[in-house]
Protein backbone atom coordinates (compact mmCIF):
# COMPACT_ATOMS: atom_id res chain seq x y z
CA MET A 1 26.75 45.86 -50.71
CA VAL A 2 28.27 44.04 -53.59
CA ASN A 3 26.95 40.83 -52.27
CA TYR A 4 23.66 42.03 -52.97
CA ILE A 5 24.21 43.39 -56.31
CA TRP A 6 25.52 40.06 -57.26
CA VAL A 7 22.42 38.32 -55.88
CA GLY A 8 20.13 40.70 -57.45
CA MET A 9 21.98 40.01 -61.02
CA ALA A 10 21.63 36.25 -60.67
CA ILE A 11 17.60 36.66 -59.59
CA ILE A 12 16.99 39.15 -62.49
CA GLY A 13 19.12 36.56 -64.92
CA LEU A 14 16.86 33.61 -63.70
CA VAL A 15 13.67 35.16 -63.77
CA PHE A 16 14.32 36.48 -67.51
CA ALA A 17 15.29 32.97 -68.30
CA ALA A 18 12.26 31.52 -66.97
CA VAL A 19 10.10 34.26 -68.38
CA ASN A 20 11.68 33.82 -71.85
CA GLY A 21 11.82 29.70 -71.63
CA ARG A 22 15.62 29.66 -71.78
CA MET A 23 16.13 27.63 -68.56
CA LYS A 24 17.66 24.93 -70.36
CA GLU A 25 20.64 27.23 -71.38
CA VAL A 26 21.22 28.29 -68.39
CA ASN A 27 21.20 25.12 -66.77
CA GLU A 28 23.84 23.80 -69.69
CA ALA A 29 26.13 27.24 -68.93
CA ILE A 30 25.64 26.20 -64.93
CA PHE A 31 27.26 22.92 -65.65
CA HIS A 32 29.72 23.87 -68.11
CA ALA A 33 31.28 26.74 -66.10
CA ALA A 34 31.36 24.78 -63.28
CA ASN A 35 33.07 21.94 -64.85
CA GLU A 36 35.69 24.60 -66.19
CA ALA A 37 36.35 26.15 -62.98
CA VAL A 38 37.26 22.68 -61.75
CA THR A 39 39.61 22.19 -64.64
CA ILE A 40 41.10 25.70 -64.29
CA SER A 41 41.44 25.46 -60.18
CA ILE A 42 43.40 21.99 -60.59
CA GLY A 43 45.61 23.29 -63.03
CA LEU A 44 46.17 26.35 -61.08
CA ILE A 45 46.75 24.42 -57.86
CA SER A 46 49.78 22.53 -59.65
CA VAL A 47 51.48 25.61 -60.89
CA LEU A 48 50.99 27.26 -57.70
CA VAL A 49 52.45 24.42 -55.67
CA PHE A 50 55.38 24.08 -57.54
CA TRP A 51 56.00 27.95 -57.13
CA LEU A 52 55.24 27.73 -53.31
CA GLY A 53 57.73 25.03 -53.24
CA MET A 54 60.40 27.05 -54.82
CA MET A 55 59.54 30.03 -52.70
CA LYS A 56 60.12 27.47 -49.63
CA ILE A 57 63.40 26.27 -51.08
CA ALA A 58 64.61 29.92 -51.93
CA GLU A 59 63.59 30.71 -48.10
CA ALA A 60 65.76 27.54 -46.82
CA SER A 61 68.66 28.18 -48.92
CA GLY A 62 68.55 31.92 -47.66
CA LEU A 63 68.00 33.73 -51.21
CA LEU A 64 64.62 35.43 -49.79
CA GLU A 65 67.01 36.79 -46.99
CA LYS A 66 69.35 38.06 -49.52
CA LEU A 67 66.71 39.60 -51.83
CA SER A 68 65.37 41.23 -48.50
CA HIS A 69 68.82 42.74 -47.88
CA LEU A 70 68.95 43.93 -51.56
CA PHE A 71 65.41 45.66 -51.80
CA ARG A 72 65.73 47.06 -48.00
CA PRO A 73 67.31 50.19 -48.78
CA LEU A 74 64.56 50.71 -51.45
CA ILE A 75 61.85 49.91 -49.35
CA THR A 76 62.94 52.09 -46.36
CA LYS A 77 63.43 55.08 -49.07
CA LEU A 78 59.71 54.24 -50.10
CA PHE A 79 58.23 53.96 -46.64
CA PRO A 80 60.29 56.68 -44.48
CA GLU A 81 57.68 56.70 -41.82
CA VAL A 82 58.24 52.87 -40.94
CA PRO A 83 61.18 52.32 -38.23
CA GLU A 84 63.88 50.07 -40.07
CA ASN A 85 63.74 47.14 -37.85
CA HIS A 86 59.90 47.15 -37.73
CA PRO A 87 57.85 44.03 -38.67
CA ALA A 88 56.18 46.05 -41.25
CA ILE A 89 59.26 46.15 -43.57
CA GLY A 90 59.43 42.04 -43.30
CA TYR A 91 56.15 41.56 -44.50
CA ILE A 92 56.11 44.31 -47.26
CA LEU A 93 59.33 42.74 -48.54
CA SER A 94 58.14 39.31 -48.39
CA ASN A 95 54.66 40.38 -50.21
CA MET A 96 56.70 42.04 -52.90
CA ILE A 97 58.78 39.16 -53.52
CA ALA A 98 55.90 36.83 -53.65
CA ASN A 99 53.95 39.11 -56.08
CA MET A 100 57.48 39.16 -58.28
CA PHE A 101 57.15 35.49 -58.61
CA GLY A 102 53.17 35.64 -59.22
CA LEU A 103 52.36 34.27 -56.21
CA GLY A 104 49.30 36.58 -55.51
CA ASN A 105 47.33 33.82 -53.19
CA ALA A 106 50.85 33.70 -51.27
CA ALA A 107 51.39 37.52 -51.19
CA THR A 108 47.60 38.42 -49.93
CA PRO A 109 48.25 37.21 -46.53
CA LEU A 110 51.47 38.64 -46.39
CA GLY A 111 49.86 42.25 -47.60
CA ILE A 112 47.08 41.85 -44.96
CA LYS A 113 49.77 41.49 -42.23
CA ALA A 114 51.81 44.54 -43.52
CA MET A 115 48.91 46.90 -43.81
CA GLU A 116 47.92 45.57 -40.16
CA GLN A 117 51.17 46.44 -39.04
CA LEU A 118 51.05 50.10 -40.87
CA TYR A 119 47.72 50.28 -39.42
CA GLU A 120 49.20 49.81 -35.80
CA LEU A 121 51.64 52.42 -36.52
CA ASN A 122 49.45 54.71 -37.47
CA GLY A 123 47.66 54.91 -34.03
CA ARG A 124 44.79 53.03 -35.31
CA LYS A 125 43.29 56.35 -37.18
CA ARG A 126 40.71 55.99 -39.62
CA GLU A 127 42.42 58.16 -41.74
CA ALA A 128 45.14 56.07 -44.10
CA SER A 129 48.84 57.31 -43.56
CA ARG A 130 51.54 57.97 -46.11
CA SER A 131 52.99 54.47 -45.89
CA MET A 132 49.61 52.71 -46.28
CA ILE A 133 48.67 54.47 -49.40
CA THR A 134 52.26 53.69 -50.95
CA PHE A 135 52.13 49.84 -49.87
CA LEU A 136 48.70 49.86 -51.57
CA ALA A 137 49.71 51.49 -54.76
CA LEU A 138 52.56 49.09 -54.74
CA ASN A 139 50.76 46.46 -54.27
CA THR A 140 48.09 46.97 -56.60
CA SER A 141 50.74 47.71 -59.35
CA GLY A 142 52.68 44.40 -58.55
CA LEU A 143 55.77 44.27 -60.72
CA THR A 144 55.95 40.87 -61.66
CA LEU A 145 59.25 38.66 -62.77
CA ILE A 146 56.96 35.50 -63.31
CA PRO A 147 53.21 35.32 -64.09
CA THR A 148 52.88 32.12 -62.71
CA THR A 149 48.92 32.15 -62.44
CA VAL A 150 48.78 33.47 -65.97
CA ILE A 151 51.12 30.81 -67.35
CA ALA A 152 49.06 28.06 -65.78
CA ILE A 153 45.49 29.43 -67.25
CA ARG A 154 47.39 29.36 -70.82
CA MET A 155 48.61 26.22 -70.22
CA ASN A 156 45.35 25.03 -69.05
CA TYR A 157 43.96 26.08 -72.66
CA ASN A 158 46.81 24.40 -74.83
CA SER A 159 48.78 27.62 -75.13
CA ALA A 160 51.29 26.72 -77.90
CA SER A 161 53.99 28.87 -75.79
CA PRO A 162 52.47 29.58 -72.71
CA THR A 163 55.57 31.57 -71.29
CA GLU A 164 55.71 34.01 -73.85
CA ILE A 165 53.81 36.25 -71.52
CA VAL A 166 56.80 36.75 -69.30
CA ALA A 167 58.94 39.71 -71.35
CA PRO A 168 55.48 41.83 -72.06
CA THR A 169 54.35 41.11 -68.10
CA LEU A 170 57.58 42.45 -66.77
CA ILE A 171 57.86 45.24 -69.01
CA ALA A 172 54.11 46.37 -68.33
CA THR A 173 54.32 46.02 -64.40
CA PHE A 174 57.43 47.57 -64.39
CA ALA A 175 55.85 50.71 -65.98
CA THR A 176 53.07 50.40 -63.39
CA THR A 177 55.45 50.11 -60.76
CA ILE A 178 57.44 53.26 -61.66
CA ALA A 179 53.94 55.12 -62.37
CA ALA A 180 52.43 54.31 -59.15
CA ILE A 181 55.27 55.53 -57.07
CA VAL A 182 55.61 58.68 -59.37
CA ILE A 183 51.74 59.29 -58.68
CA ASP A 184 52.16 58.51 -55.18
CA ARG A 185 54.76 60.68 -54.46
CA TYR A 186 53.10 63.25 -56.55
CA PHE A 187 49.92 63.47 -54.16
CA TYR A 188 52.03 63.24 -51.36
CA TYR A 189 54.16 66.52 -51.71
CA ARG A 190 50.98 68.06 -53.30
CA ARG A 191 48.73 67.59 -50.04
CA ALA A 192 52.23 68.36 -47.89
CA LYS A 193 52.34 71.75 -49.75
CA ARG A 194 48.74 72.23 -49.12
CA ARG A 195 49.14 71.80 -45.34
CA ARG A 196 51.99 74.33 -45.26
């Protein structure tokens, strides 16, 4: 459905530009945006490659495993339906750690795998389980220690201090993560109370 909306908007925009004699501006905007997209992508690739390399080093050195052990008690409390040694726990932890380092691109496949595992645990039901909802809320709030993508974009646009966003991002994402947990638990207990 969303694809049809985007195609419709593009067609309406092109027709409107043609009727009003503004195709030259449209062509200029398309080429300028394409050039800027390539520049931003190359800038992002360099930063993402660096941080993905750092993640590999952290994995090889055992740091990720130590972080996983550090967060495991919290994860088992947040996801009581998931057995302690289930693969979903590993995917959830890996997704959260990748998000903490601002590696959304690396976190996405891990998040999909975690959701697949939670879906299997839920018996492939069409209704989302408590754990699936909690994971989605946590993934959306995304606690971030180092916002690598935003830093890369700021560096691309020659920011005087591209890393000054780290502290505000940490505060904001910490607040959203706490809010996500509180709201998730509130609605869960409210639903549970109604069922009794």
